[in-house]
Amino acid sequence: MEITEIKAKITEYQQTGKRIFTTSSFQSHSLVLLHIIREIIPKIPIFFINTGYLFPETVRFKDEIADLFDLMVLDIKPATPKYLQKDRNGKLLYTSDPDHCCSINKIQPLETVLAGYDVWINGIRADQNAIRSTMKAEQVAPHSTIRFHPMLDWDGKKILNYLKKYNIPRHPLEERGYISIGCEPCTRKINLEMQVREARWFGLNKIECGLQTDLITKE
């Protein structure tokens, strides 16, 4: 979608009384959507899923961008404390059952948020992996919340051009080789032989945390 179309759709949601929120990981590519949305809804609730395993640089960068853009960022955290996030052998779940770890730390906290809103503006892109390439601009999430994916047909070049045009800061870990940045234990630097999302859960049969697979109503 073009920027004018994105703004028009968000305005339409507003005019029909929809309760709207967005989420952000505060990676560099995520900032484009925030920059666009804030022109229409300056104080839209932006939920930041703080799993407790994020890079310290990500948390600091989130605070810096919130100040720079004057955003209303709301941290959400898992209900299960870290010391209980272990398997029967005492290993932390991200080492033995990463799907369960993601469910506790990301899916469950956000599903609670969904119950209070009508529209979730989500910045996924079709070029990020095979699962996302099959998604549509509007889909239904739990609690009948609409998932709106305005960036679905954007690509890396278009994102980069926007960041440069508006002189938007970049996530500090990018210059150290981290491109797809999630929780610290499950993120590695990218190399020339890897696709971007392969830097997450490297070596595991896993490419999604579940936000884009579990929090969506199957057709």
N, C-alpha and C. Protein backbone atom coordinates (compact mmCIF):
# COMPACT_ATOMS: atom_id res chain seq x y z
N MET A 1 0.84 -1.20 0.00
CA MET A 1 0.00 0.00 0.00
C MET A 1 0.87 1.25 0.00
N GLU A 2 0.41 2.24 -0.72
CA GLU A 2 1.11 3.51 -0.70
C GLU A 2 0.77 4.25 0.60
N ILE A 3 1.60 5.23 0.93
CA ILE A 3 1.43 5.94 2.19
C ILE A 3 0.05 6.60 2.27
N THR A 4 -0.40 7.17 1.16
CA THR A 4 -1.72 7.81 1.17
C THR A 4 -2.82 6.80 1.45
N GLU A 5 -2.67 5.59 0.93
CA GLU A 5 -3.67 4.53 1.16
C GLU A 5 -3.65 4.08 2.62
N ILE A 6 -2.45 3.97 3.19
CA ILE A 6 -2.33 3.58 4.59
C ILE A 6 -3.03 4.59 5.48
N LYS A 7 -2.76 5.86 5.24
CA LYS A 7 -3.36 6.92 6.04
C LYS A 7 -4.88 6.95 5.88
N ALA A 8 -5.34 6.73 4.67
CA ALA A 8 -6.78 6.73 4.41
C ALA A 8 -7.47 5.59 5.14
N LYS A 9 -6.84 4.42 5.15
CA LYS A 9 -7.45 3.26 5.82
C LYS A 9 -7.49 3.46 7.33
N ILE A 10 -6.42 3.99 7.90
CA ILE A 10 -6.41 4.24 9.34
C ILE A 10 -7.45 5.29 9.70
N THR A 11 -7.58 6.31 8.87
CA THR A 11 -8.60 7.34 9.10
C THR A 11 -9.99 6.73 9.04
N GLU A 12 -10.20 5.81 8.12
CA GLU A 12 -11.49 5.12 8.02
C GLU A 12 -11.81 4.35 9.30
N TYR A 13 -10.80 3.64 9.82
CA TYR A 13 -11.01 2.92 11.09
C TYR A 13 -11.41 3.91 12.19
N GLN A 14 -10.71 5.03 12.24
CA GLN A 14 -11.01 6.04 13.25
C GLN A 14 -12.43 6.55 13.13
N GLN A 15 -12.83 6.87 11.93
CA GLN A 15 -14.14 7.47 11.71
C GLN A 15 -15.29 6.52 12.02
N THR A 16 -15.02 5.23 12.00
CA THR A 16 -16.06 4.25 12.33
C THR A 16 -15.99 3.83 13.80
N GLY A 17 -15.15 4.55 14.57
CA GLY A 17 -15.10 4.31 16.01
C GLY A 17 -14.30 3.12 16.46
N LYS A 18 -13.44 2.61 15.60
CA LYS A 18 -12.64 1.45 15.96
C LYS A 18 -11.57 1.83 16.98
N ARG A 19 -11.36 0.94 17.94
CA ARG A 19 -10.27 1.09 18.91
C ARG A 19 -9.02 0.49 18.28
N ILE A 20 -7.99 1.31 18.12
CA ILE A 20 -6.82 0.93 17.33
C ILE A 20 -5.56 0.92 18.18
N PHE A 21 -4.71 -0.08 17.94
CA PHE A 21 -3.39 -0.09 18.56
C PHE A 21 -2.39 -0.66 17.56
N THR A 22 -1.13 -0.50 17.88
CA THR A 22 -0.09 -1.13 17.08
C THR A 22 0.95 -1.74 18.00
N THR A 23 1.81 -2.54 17.43
CA THR A 23 2.93 -3.13 18.16
C THR A 23 4.21 -2.76 17.45
N SER A 24 5.30 -2.81 18.17
CA SER A 24 6.59 -2.55 17.52
C SER A 24 7.71 -3.26 18.26
N SER A 25 8.63 -3.79 17.48
CA SER A 25 9.84 -4.40 18.04
C SER A 25 10.97 -3.38 18.11
N PHE A 26 10.75 -2.21 17.51
CA PHE A 26 11.72 -1.13 17.45
C PHE A 26 13.02 -1.53 16.75
N GLN A 27 12.91 -2.46 15.80
CA GLN A 27 13.99 -2.65 14.85
C GLN A 27 13.89 -1.50 13.85
N SER A 28 14.95 -1.26 13.11
CA SER A 28 14.97 -0.12 12.20
C SER A 28 13.79 -0.14 11.24
N HIS A 29 13.52 -1.31 10.64
CA HIS A 29 12.45 -1.37 9.64
C HIS A 29 11.08 -1.13 10.27
N SER A 30 10.96 -1.34 11.58
CA SER A 30 9.68 -1.14 12.26
C SER A 30 9.33 0.33 12.42
N LEU A 31 10.33 1.18 12.35
CA LEU A 31 10.12 2.60 12.65
C LEU A 31 9.38 3.33 11.54
N VAL A 32 9.42 2.80 10.32
CA VAL A 32 8.71 3.43 9.21
C VAL A 32 7.22 3.48 9.50
N LEU A 33 6.66 2.36 9.95
CA LEU A 33 5.23 2.32 10.24
C LEU A 33 4.87 3.29 11.36
N LEU A 34 5.68 3.34 12.40
CA LEU A 34 5.41 4.27 13.50
C LEU A 34 5.44 5.71 13.02
N HIS A 35 6.39 6.01 12.16
CA HIS A 35 6.54 7.36 11.63
C HIS A 35 5.31 7.77 10.82
N ILE A 36 4.75 6.82 10.08
CA ILE A 36 3.55 7.09 9.28
C ILE A 36 2.32 7.23 10.17
N ILE A 37 2.15 6.31 11.09
CA ILE A 37 0.95 6.30 11.93
C ILE A 37 0.84 7.54 12.80
N ARG A 38 1.94 7.99 13.33
CA ARG A 38 1.89 9.09 14.30
C ARG A 38 1.35 10.37 13.69
N GLU A 39 1.40 10.49 12.36
CA GLU A 39 0.84 11.67 11.71
C GLU A 39 -0.68 11.66 11.75
N ILE A 40 -1.28 10.49 11.92
CA ILE A 40 -2.74 10.36 11.94
C ILE A 40 -3.25 10.23 13.37
N ILE A 41 -2.57 9.38 14.14
CA ILE A 41 -2.95 9.17 15.54
C ILE A 41 -1.69 9.41 16.39
N PRO A 42 -1.42 10.64 16.77
CA PRO A 42 -0.18 10.96 17.48
C PRO A 42 0.06 10.14 18.75
N LYS A 43 -1.00 9.79 19.44
CA LYS A 43 -0.83 9.06 20.70
C LYS A 43 -1.48 7.67 20.63
N ILE A 44 -1.33 7.03 19.49
CA ILE A 44 -1.81 5.66 19.38
C ILE A 44 -1.08 4.77 20.39
N PRO A 45 -1.77 3.86 21.08
CA PRO A 45 -1.06 2.93 21.98
C PRO A 45 -0.13 2.02 21.18
N ILE A 46 1.14 2.04 21.54
CA ILE A 46 2.15 1.19 20.89
C ILE A 46 2.63 0.19 21.93
N PHE A 47 2.28 -1.07 21.74
CA PHE A 47 2.66 -2.08 22.72
C PHE A 47 4.01 -2.69 22.34
N PHE A 48 4.89 -2.68 23.31
CA PHE A 48 6.25 -3.21 23.17
C PHE A 48 6.34 -4.44 24.05
N ILE A 49 6.52 -5.60 23.42
CA ILE A 49 6.56 -6.85 24.17
C ILE A 49 7.95 -7.04 24.76
N ASN A 50 8.06 -6.77 26.03
CA ASN A 50 9.35 -6.88 26.72
C ASN A 50 9.43 -8.25 27.40
N THR A 51 10.04 -9.18 26.70
CA THR A 51 10.10 -10.56 27.18
C THR A 51 11.01 -10.75 28.38
N GLY A 52 11.89 -9.80 28.61
CA GLY A 52 12.90 -9.97 29.65
C GLY A 52 14.18 -10.57 29.11
N TYR A 53 14.16 -10.95 27.83
CA TYR A 53 15.34 -11.54 27.18
C TYR A 53 15.89 -10.65 26.06
N LEU A 54 15.36 -9.46 25.92
CA LEU A 54 15.78 -8.58 24.84
C LEU A 54 17.19 -8.04 25.06
N PHE A 55 17.82 -7.64 23.97
CA PHE A 55 19.11 -6.96 24.08
C PHE A 55 18.90 -5.64 24.84
N PRO A 56 19.79 -5.28 25.74
CA PRO A 56 19.68 -3.98 26.42
C PRO A 56 19.65 -2.83 25.42
N GLU A 57 20.35 -2.99 24.31
CA GLU A 57 20.38 -1.95 23.28
C GLU A 57 18.98 -1.71 22.69
N THR A 58 18.20 -2.78 22.57
CA THR A 58 16.84 -2.64 22.03
C THR A 58 15.97 -1.82 22.98
N VAL A 59 16.06 -2.11 24.25
CA VAL A 59 15.24 -1.40 25.25
C VAL A 59 15.62 0.08 25.28
N ARG A 60 16.93 0.36 25.25
CA ARG A 60 17.37 1.76 25.25
C ARG A 60 16.94 2.47 23.97
N PHE A 61 17.05 1.79 22.85
CA PHE A 61 16.66 2.38 21.57
C PHE A 61 15.17 2.68 21.55
N LYS A 62 14.38 1.78 22.10
CA LYS A 62 12.93 2.00 22.21
C LYS A 62 12.64 3.30 22.95
N ASP A 63 13.32 3.51 24.06
CA ASP A 63 13.12 4.73 24.85
C ASP A 63 13.54 5.98 24.07
N GLU A 64 14.64 5.87 23.34
CA GLU A 64 15.13 7.00 22.55
C GLU A 64 14.14 7.38 21.45
N ILE A 65 13.61 6.38 20.76
CA ILE A 65 12.65 6.65 19.67
C ILE A 65 11.34 7.18 20.23
N ALA A 66 10.93 6.66 21.36
CA ALA A 66 9.69 7.15 21.99
C ALA A 66 9.80 8.63 22.31
N ASP A 67 10.96 9.04 22.78
CA ASP A 67 11.19 10.47 23.07
C ASP A 67 11.28 11.29 21.77
N LEU A 68 12.00 10.76 20.80
CA LEU A 68 12.21 11.48 19.55
C LEU A 68 10.90 11.71 18.79
N PHE A 69 10.06 10.66 18.72
CA PHE A 69 8.80 10.74 17.99
C PHE A 69 7.63 11.18 18.87
N ASP A 70 7.88 11.32 20.17
CA ASP A 70 6.82 11.65 21.14
C ASP A 70 5.70 10.61 21.10
N LEU A 71 6.09 9.36 21.30
CA LEU A 71 5.17 8.23 21.21
C LEU A 71 4.66 7.78 22.57
N MET A 72 3.50 7.14 22.56
CA MET A 72 2.97 6.53 23.78
C MET A 72 3.25 5.02 23.71
N VAL A 73 4.36 4.62 24.29
CA VAL A 73 4.78 3.23 24.26
C VAL A 73 4.43 2.56 25.59
N LEU A 74 3.79 1.41 25.49
CA LEU A 74 3.36 0.67 26.67
C LEU A 74 4.05 -0.68 26.69
N ASP A 75 4.86 -0.92 27.71
CA ASP A 75 5.53 -2.21 27.85
C ASP A 75 4.53 -3.26 28.34
N ILE A 76 4.57 -4.43 27.73
CA ILE A 76 3.82 -5.56 28.26
C ILE A 76 4.81 -6.68 28.52
N LYS A 77 4.59 -7.37 29.61
CA LYS A 77 5.53 -8.39 30.05
C LYS A 77 4.80 -9.70 30.35
N PRO A 78 5.52 -10.81 30.33
CA PRO A 78 4.88 -12.10 30.61
C PRO A 78 4.44 -12.21 32.07
N ALA A 79 3.37 -12.96 32.28
CA ALA A 79 2.88 -13.17 33.64
C ALA A 79 3.73 -14.19 34.40
N THR A 80 4.43 -15.05 33.66
CA THR A 80 5.26 -16.09 34.27
C THR A 80 6.67 -15.58 34.49
N PRO A 81 7.15 -15.53 35.72
CA PRO A 81 8.52 -15.04 35.96
C PRO A 81 9.56 -15.99 35.37
N LYS A 82 10.75 -15.46 35.14
CA LYS A 82 11.81 -16.24 34.50
C LYS A 82 12.15 -17.53 35.26
N TYR A 83 12.13 -17.45 36.58
CA TYR A 83 12.57 -18.63 37.34
C TYR A 83 11.60 -19.81 37.20
N LEU A 84 10.40 -19.54 36.68
CA LEU A 84 9.45 -20.62 36.43
C LEU A 84 9.43 -21.05 34.96
N GLN A 85 10.20 -20.37 34.14
CA GLN A 85 10.24 -20.70 32.71
C GLN A 85 11.30 -21.76 32.45
N LYS A 86 11.10 -22.92 33.04
CA LYS A 86 12.06 -24.02 32.92
C LYS A 86 11.33 -25.31 32.63
N ASP A 87 12.04 -26.25 31.98
CA ASP A 87 11.44 -27.56 31.72
C ASP A 87 11.67 -28.48 32.92
N ARG A 88 11.28 -29.70 32.81
CA ARG A 88 11.37 -30.65 33.92
C ARG A 88 12.81 -30.94 34.33
N ASN A 89 13.75 -30.64 33.44
CA ASN A 89 15.17 -30.86 33.75
C ASN A 89 15.86 -29.60 34.27
N GLY A 90 15.06 -28.55 34.45
CA GLY A 90 15.61 -27.32 35.00
C GLY A 90 16.24 -26.40 33.96
N LYS A 91 16.11 -26.76 32.69
CA LYS A 91 16.67 -25.90 31.63
C LYS A 91 15.68 -24.80 31.28
N LEU A 92 16.19 -23.60 31.00
CA LEU A 92 15.33 -22.52 30.56
C LEU A 92 14.65 -22.91 29.24
N LEU A 93 13.39 -22.54 29.09
CA LEU A 93 12.60 -23.00 27.96
C LEU A 93 13.16 -22.60 26.60
N TYR A 94 13.84 -21.46 26.53
CA TYR A 94 14.35 -21.07 25.21
C TYR A 94 15.41 -22.04 24.69
N THR A 95 15.99 -22.84 25.57
CA THR A 95 16.99 -23.83 25.14
C THR A 95 16.37 -25.17 24.78
N SER A 96 15.22 -25.49 25.37
CA SER A 96 14.64 -26.82 25.16
C SER A 96 13.29 -26.81 24.46
N ASP A 97 12.55 -25.73 24.60
CA ASP A 97 11.22 -25.64 24.00
C ASP A 97 10.94 -24.19 23.62
N PRO A 98 11.60 -23.71 22.56
CA PRO A 98 11.45 -22.29 22.19
C PRO A 98 10.02 -21.89 21.84
N ASP A 99 9.22 -22.84 21.31
CA ASP A 99 7.83 -22.50 21.01
C ASP A 99 7.05 -22.17 22.28
N HIS A 100 7.29 -22.96 23.31
CA HIS A 100 6.63 -22.70 24.60
C HIS A 100 7.12 -21.38 25.20
N CYS A 101 8.41 -21.13 25.04
CA CYS A 101 9.00 -19.88 25.54
C CYS A 101 8.34 -18.68 24.87
N CYS A 102 8.17 -18.74 23.54
CA CYS A 102 7.54 -17.66 22.81
C CYS A 102 6.08 -17.50 23.21
N SER A 103 5.42 -18.62 23.47
CA SER A 103 4.02 -18.56 23.87
C SER A 103 3.85 -17.82 25.19
N ILE A 104 4.70 -18.13 26.16
CA ILE A 104 4.62 -17.48 27.47
C ILE A 104 5.00 -16.01 27.39
N ASN A 105 6.05 -15.71 26.65
CA ASN A 105 6.64 -14.38 26.69
C ASN A 105 6.10 -13.40 25.65
N LYS A 106 5.48 -13.91 24.59
CA LYS A 106 5.03 -13.02 23.53
C LYS A 106 3.54 -13.18 23.21
N ILE A 107 3.12 -14.41 22.95
CA ILE A 107 1.75 -14.64 22.50
C ILE A 107 0.73 -14.34 23.60
N GLN A 108 0.93 -14.92 24.77
CA GLN A 108 -0.04 -14.74 25.86
C GLN A 108 -0.18 -13.27 26.27
N PRO A 109 0.91 -12.54 26.46
CA PRO A 109 0.75 -11.12 26.83
C PRO A 109 -0.01 -10.31 25.78
N LEU A 110 0.25 -10.56 24.50
CA LEU A 110 -0.41 -9.76 23.46
C LEU A 110 -1.85 -10.19 23.26
N GLU A 111 -2.15 -11.45 23.45
CA GLU A 111 -3.54 -11.89 23.29
C GLU A 111 -4.44 -11.18 24.30
N THR A 112 -3.91 -10.91 25.47
CA THR A 112 -4.67 -10.16 26.47
C THR A 112 -4.98 -8.76 25.96
N VAL A 113 -4.02 -8.15 25.27
CA VAL A 113 -4.22 -6.81 24.71
C VAL A 113 -5.30 -6.84 23.63
N LEU A 114 -5.29 -7.86 22.78
CA LEU A 114 -6.23 -7.95 21.68
C LEU A 114 -7.69 -7.84 22.13
N ALA A 115 -7.97 -8.36 23.30
CA ALA A 115 -9.35 -8.37 23.80
C ALA A 115 -9.92 -6.97 23.98
N GLY A 116 -9.05 -5.97 24.08
CA GLY A 116 -9.52 -4.61 24.34
C GLY A 116 -9.53 -3.70 23.12
N TYR A 117 -9.25 -4.25 21.92
CA TYR A 117 -9.14 -3.41 20.73
C TYR A 117 -9.85 -4.04 19.53
N ASP A 118 -10.15 -3.18 18.56
CA ASP A 118 -10.82 -3.63 17.33
C ASP A 118 -9.86 -3.82 16.17
N VAL A 119 -8.76 -3.05 16.16
CA VAL A 119 -7.81 -3.10 15.04
C VAL A 119 -6.38 -3.14 15.58
N TRP A 120 -5.62 -4.08 15.05
CA TRP A 120 -4.19 -4.19 15.37
C TRP A 120 -3.41 -3.87 14.09
N ILE A 121 -2.73 -2.75 14.08
CA ILE A 121 -1.89 -2.38 12.93
C ILE A 121 -0.55 -3.08 13.10
N ASN A 122 -0.23 -3.95 12.16
CA ASN A 122 0.91 -4.85 12.27
C ASN A 122 1.82 -4.65 11.06
N GLY A 123 3.12 -4.48 11.27
CA GLY A 123 4.04 -4.11 10.21
C GLY A 123 4.72 -5.24 9.45
N ILE A 124 4.15 -6.44 9.45
CA ILE A 124 4.80 -7.54 8.72
C ILE A 124 4.88 -7.25 7.23
N ARG A 125 5.88 -7.88 6.58
CA ARG A 125 6.08 -7.74 5.14
C ARG A 125 6.10 -9.12 4.49
N ALA A 126 5.56 -9.20 3.29
CA ALA A 126 5.49 -10.48 2.57
C ALA A 126 6.86 -11.02 2.21
N ASP A 127 7.85 -10.14 2.07
CA ASP A 127 9.18 -10.59 1.64
C ASP A 127 10.02 -11.14 2.80
N GLN A 128 9.45 -11.20 3.99
CA GLN A 128 10.25 -11.63 5.14
C GLN A 128 10.36 -13.15 5.26
N ASN A 129 9.33 -13.88 4.89
CA ASN A 129 9.42 -15.34 4.84
C ASN A 129 8.18 -15.91 4.14
N ALA A 130 8.18 -17.22 3.94
CA ALA A 130 7.11 -17.87 3.18
C ALA A 130 5.76 -17.75 3.87
N ILE A 131 5.74 -17.81 5.19
CA ILE A 131 4.47 -17.69 5.91
C ILE A 131 3.85 -16.32 5.68
N ARG A 132 4.64 -15.29 5.80
CA ARG A 132 4.12 -13.93 5.66
C ARG A 132 3.75 -13.61 4.22
N SER A 133 4.35 -14.30 3.27
CA SER A 133 4.05 -14.03 1.86
C SER A 133 2.63 -14.45 1.49
N THR A 134 1.99 -15.27 2.30
CA THR A 134 0.64 -15.74 2.00
C THR A 134 -0.43 -14.89 2.71
N MET A 135 -0.01 -13.92 3.51
CA MET A 135 -0.97 -13.16 4.29
C MET A 135 -1.60 -12.04 3.47
N LYS A 136 -2.71 -11.52 3.98
CA LYS A 136 -3.48 -10.49 3.30
C LYS A 136 -3.41 -9.18 4.08
N ALA A 137 -3.85 -8.11 3.43
CA ALA A 137 -3.79 -6.79 4.07
C ALA A 137 -4.66 -6.72 5.31
N GLU A 138 -5.77 -7.40 5.30
CA GLU A 138 -6.65 -7.47 6.47
C GLU A 138 -6.97 -8.93 6.77
N GLN A 139 -6.79 -9.31 8.02
CA GLN A 139 -7.15 -10.64 8.47
C GLN A 139 -7.70 -10.53 9.88
N VAL A 140 -8.27 -11.63 10.36
CA VAL A 140 -8.91 -11.61 11.66
C VAL A 140 -8.03 -12.29 12.70
N ALA A 141 -7.92 -11.65 13.87
CA ALA A 141 -7.17 -12.19 15.00
C ALA A 141 -8.15 -12.69 16.06
N PRO A 142 -7.68 -13.34 17.12
CA PRO A 142 -8.57 -13.69 18.22
C PRO A 142 -9.34 -12.48 18.74
N HIS A 143 -10.49 -12.75 19.33
CA HIS A 143 -11.38 -11.72 19.87
C HIS A 143 -11.98 -10.85 18.76
N SER A 144 -11.95 -11.37 17.52
CA SER A 144 -12.50 -10.69 16.35
C SER A 144 -11.80 -9.37 16.04
N THR A 145 -10.60 -9.20 16.54
CA THR A 145 -9.80 -8.03 16.22
C THR A 145 -9.29 -8.12 14.78
N ILE A 146 -9.33 -7.01 14.07
CA ILE A 146 -8.83 -6.98 12.70
C ILE A 146 -7.32 -6.77 12.72
N ARG A 147 -6.60 -7.61 12.03
CA ARG A 147 -5.17 -7.40 11.80
C ARG A 147 -5.04 -6.62 10.49
N PHE A 148 -4.44 -5.44 10.57
CA PHE A 148 -4.22 -4.62 9.37
C PHE A 148 -2.73 -4.61 9.08
N HIS A 149 -2.34 -5.05 7.87
CA HIS A 149 -0.94 -5.20 7.47
C HIS A 149 -0.60 -4.22 6.35
N PRO A 150 -0.43 -2.95 6.65
CA PRO A 150 -0.22 -1.93 5.60
C PRO A 150 1.12 -2.02 4.89
N MET A 151 2.11 -2.67 5.51
CA MET A 151 3.45 -2.73 4.91
C MET A 151 3.67 -4.03 4.14
N LEU A 152 2.63 -4.80 3.93
CA LEU A 152 2.78 -6.14 3.39
C LEU A 152 3.52 -6.17 2.06
N ASP A 153 3.27 -5.19 1.19
CA ASP A 153 3.91 -5.21 -0.13
C ASP A 153 5.16 -4.33 -0.21
N TRP A 154 5.62 -3.83 0.93
CA TRP A 154 6.87 -3.07 0.94
C TRP A 154 8.05 -4.05 0.92
N ASP A 155 9.18 -3.59 0.42
CA ASP A 155 10.39 -4.41 0.46
C ASP A 155 11.51 -3.65 1.17
N GLY A 156 12.63 -4.31 1.32
CA GLY A 156 13.74 -3.72 2.05
C GLY A 156 14.23 -2.41 1.46
N LYS A 157 14.23 -2.33 0.15
CA LYS A 157 14.70 -1.10 -0.52
C LYS A 157 13.79 0.07 -0.22
N LYS A 158 12.49 -0.18 -0.26
CA LYS A 158 11.53 0.89 0.01
C LYS A 158 11.63 1.36 1.46
N ILE A 159 11.83 0.40 2.37
CA ILE A 159 12.02 0.73 3.79
C ILE A 159 13.26 1.60 3.96
N LEU A 160 14.37 1.16 3.35
CA LEU A 160 15.64 1.89 3.48
C LEU A 160 15.52 3.31 2.93
N ASN A 161 14.85 3.46 1.80
CA ASN A 161 14.68 4.78 1.21
C ASN A 161 13.89 5.71 2.14
N TYR A 162 12.88 5.14 2.79
CA TYR A 162 12.08 5.95 3.71
C TYR A 162 12.92 6.37 4.91
N LEU A 163 13.68 5.45 5.46
CA LEU A 163 14.53 5.76 6.62
C LEU A 163 15.51 6.88 6.28
N LYS A 164 16.09 6.81 5.08
CA LYS A 164 17.05 7.83 4.65
C LYS A 164 16.36 9.17 4.41
N LYS A 165 15.20 9.13 3.77
CA LYS A 165 14.48 10.36 3.44
C LYS A 165 14.16 11.18 4.68
N TYR A 166 13.75 10.50 5.75
CA TYR A 166 13.35 11.20 6.96
C TYR A 166 14.42 11.17 8.06
N ASN A 167 15.60 10.70 7.68
CA ASN A 167 16.74 10.70 8.61
C ASN A 167 16.38 10.02 9.93
N ILE A 168 15.78 8.86 9.83
CA ILE A 168 15.35 8.11 11.01
C ILE A 168 16.52 7.29 11.54
N PRO A 169 16.78 7.31 12.83
CA PRO A 169 17.91 6.56 13.41
C PRO A 169 17.78 5.06 13.16
N ARG A 170 18.91 4.38 13.18
CA ARG A 170 18.94 2.93 12.98
C ARG A 170 19.24 2.24 14.31
N HIS A 171 18.71 1.05 14.45
CA HIS A 171 18.97 0.25 15.65
C HIS A 171 20.49 0.08 15.80
N PRO A 172 21.04 0.35 16.98
CA PRO A 172 22.49 0.34 17.15
C PRO A 172 23.16 -1.00 16.89
N LEU A 173 22.43 -2.09 16.96
CA LEU A 173 23.05 -3.41 16.74
C LEU A 173 23.25 -3.72 15.26
N GLU A 174 22.62 -2.94 14.38
CA GLU A 174 22.78 -3.20 12.95
C GLU A 174 24.24 -3.08 12.52
N GLU A 175 24.93 -2.07 13.02
CA GLU A 175 26.32 -1.87 12.61
C GLU A 175 27.23 -2.97 13.13
N ARG A 176 26.71 -3.80 14.03
CA ARG A 176 27.49 -4.94 14.53
C ARG A 176 27.08 -6.25 13.85
N GLY A 177 26.23 -6.16 12.81
CA GLY A 177 25.90 -7.34 12.04
C GLY A 177 24.57 -8.00 12.37
N TYR A 178 23.80 -7.38 13.26
CA TYR A 178 22.48 -7.93 13.61
C TYR A 178 21.44 -7.20 12.76
N ILE A 179 20.67 -7.95 11.99
CA ILE A 179 19.67 -7.36 11.11
C ILE A 179 18.25 -7.69 11.57
N SER A 180 17.99 -8.96 11.85
CA SER A 180 16.70 -9.37 12.41
C SER A 180 16.92 -9.59 13.90
N ILE A 181 16.38 -8.70 14.71
CA ILE A 181 16.75 -8.65 16.13
C ILE A 181 15.57 -9.00 17.01
N GLY A 182 15.70 -10.07 17.77
CA GLY A 182 14.66 -10.45 18.71
C GLY A 182 15.25 -10.59 20.09
N CYS A 183 14.91 -11.68 20.77
CA CYS A 183 15.48 -11.94 22.09
C CYS A 183 16.96 -12.31 21.95
N GLU A 184 17.76 -11.88 22.91
CA GLU A 184 19.20 -12.06 22.80
C GLU A 184 19.63 -13.52 22.66
N PRO A 185 19.06 -14.48 23.44
CA PRO A 185 19.53 -15.86 23.32
C PRO A 185 19.20 -16.50 21.97
N CYS A 186 18.22 -15.95 21.25
CA CYS A 186 17.74 -16.58 20.02
C CYS A 186 18.05 -15.77 18.78
N THR A 187 18.99 -14.85 18.88
CA THR A 187 19.36 -13.99 17.74
C THR A 187 20.86 -14.09 17.50
N ARG A 188 21.24 -14.19 16.25
CA ARG A 188 22.66 -14.19 15.93
C ARG A 188 22.92 -13.22 14.78
N LYS A 189 24.17 -12.92 14.56
CA LYS A 189 24.54 -12.04 13.46
C LYS A 189 24.28 -12.75 12.14
N ILE A 190 23.97 -11.95 11.14
CA ILE A 190 23.69 -12.52 9.82
C ILE A 190 24.99 -12.62 9.02
N ASN A 191 25.06 -13.62 8.13
CA ASN A 191 26.19 -13.70 7.20
C ASN A 191 25.66 -13.70 5.78
N LEU A 192 26.54 -13.67 4.81
CA LEU A 192 26.13 -13.49 3.41
C LEU A 192 25.33 -14.66 2.87
N GLU A 193 25.41 -15.82 3.52
CA GLU A 193 24.72 -17.00 3.02
C GLU A 193 23.33 -17.16 3.65
N MET A 194 22.98 -16.29 4.56
CA MET A 194 21.72 -16.40 5.29
C MET A 194 20.69 -15.42 4.78
N GLN A 195 19.41 -15.84 4.78
CA GLN A 195 18.33 -14.90 4.62
C GLN A 195 18.14 -14.18 5.94
N VAL A 196 17.51 -13.01 5.91
CA VAL A 196 17.43 -12.17 7.10
C VAL A 196 16.81 -12.90 8.29
N ARG A 197 15.68 -13.57 8.09
CA ARG A 197 15.00 -14.20 9.22
C ARG A 197 15.73 -15.43 9.75
N GLU A 198 16.72 -15.95 9.00
CA GLU A 198 17.48 -17.10 9.48
C GLU A 198 18.39 -16.75 10.64
N ALA A 199 18.51 -15.46 10.93
CA ALA A 199 19.30 -15.05 12.08
C ALA A 199 18.56 -15.30 13.39
N ARG A 200 17.31 -15.67 13.28
CA ARG A 200 16.50 -15.95 14.47
C ARG A 200 16.33 -17.46 14.61
N TRP A 201 16.50 -17.97 15.83
CA TRP A 201 16.35 -19.40 16.12
C TRP A 201 17.21 -20.24 15.17
N PHE A 202 18.44 -19.79 14.98
CA PHE A 202 19.33 -20.44 14.02
C PHE A 202 19.50 -21.92 14.35
N GLY A 203 19.37 -22.77 13.33
CA GLY A 203 19.56 -24.20 13.50
C GLY A 203 18.32 -24.95 13.97
N LEU A 204 17.25 -24.21 14.23
CA LEU A 204 16.01 -24.83 14.68
C LEU A 204 14.98 -24.79 13.55
N ASN A 205 14.01 -25.69 13.61
CA ASN A 205 12.93 -25.70 12.63
C ASN A 205 11.87 -24.70 13.07
N LYS A 206 12.27 -23.42 13.04
CA LYS A 206 11.40 -22.37 13.58
C LYS A 206 11.73 -21.05 12.89
N ILE A 207 10.71 -20.39 12.36
CA ILE A 207 10.94 -19.10 11.70
C ILE A 207 9.99 -18.02 12.23
N GLU A 208 9.07 -18.39 13.12
CA GLU A 208 8.12 -17.43 13.68
C GLU A 208 7.98 -17.64 15.18
N CYS A 209 7.74 -16.53 15.88
CA CYS A 209 7.54 -16.63 17.33
C CYS A 209 6.11 -17.05 17.66
N GLY A 210 5.20 -16.90 16.69
CA GLY A 210 3.80 -17.27 16.91
C GLY A 210 2.84 -16.11 16.81
N LEU A 211 3.35 -14.88 16.89
CA LEU A 211 2.46 -13.72 16.78
C LEU A 211 1.76 -13.69 15.43
N GLN A 212 2.45 -14.17 14.39
CA GLN A 212 1.88 -14.13 13.05
C GLN A 212 1.24 -15.45 12.64
N THR A 213 1.27 -16.44 13.51
CA THR A 213 0.68 -17.74 13.20
C THR A 213 -0.40 -18.13 14.20
N ASP A 214 -0.16 -17.89 15.48
CA ASP A 214 -1.14 -18.26 16.51
C ASP A 214 -2.19 -17.18 16.71
N LEU A 215 -1.80 -15.91 16.57
CA LEU A 215 -2.74 -14.82 16.78
C LEU A 215 -3.38 -14.39 15.46
N ILE A 216 -3.93 -15.37 14.77
CA ILE A 216 -4.61 -15.12 13.51
C ILE A 216 -5.65 -16.23 13.34
N THR A 217 -6.82 -15.85 12.90
CA THR A 217 -7.89 -16.83 12.72
C THR A 217 -7.70 -17.54 11.40
N LYS A 218 -7.62 -18.86 11.45
CA LYS A 218 -7.41 -19.64 10.24
C LYS A 218 -8.68 -19.64 9.40
N GLU A 219 -8.50 -19.45 8.11
CA GLU A 219 -9.66 -19.42 7.20
C GLU A 219 -10.06 -20.83 6.79
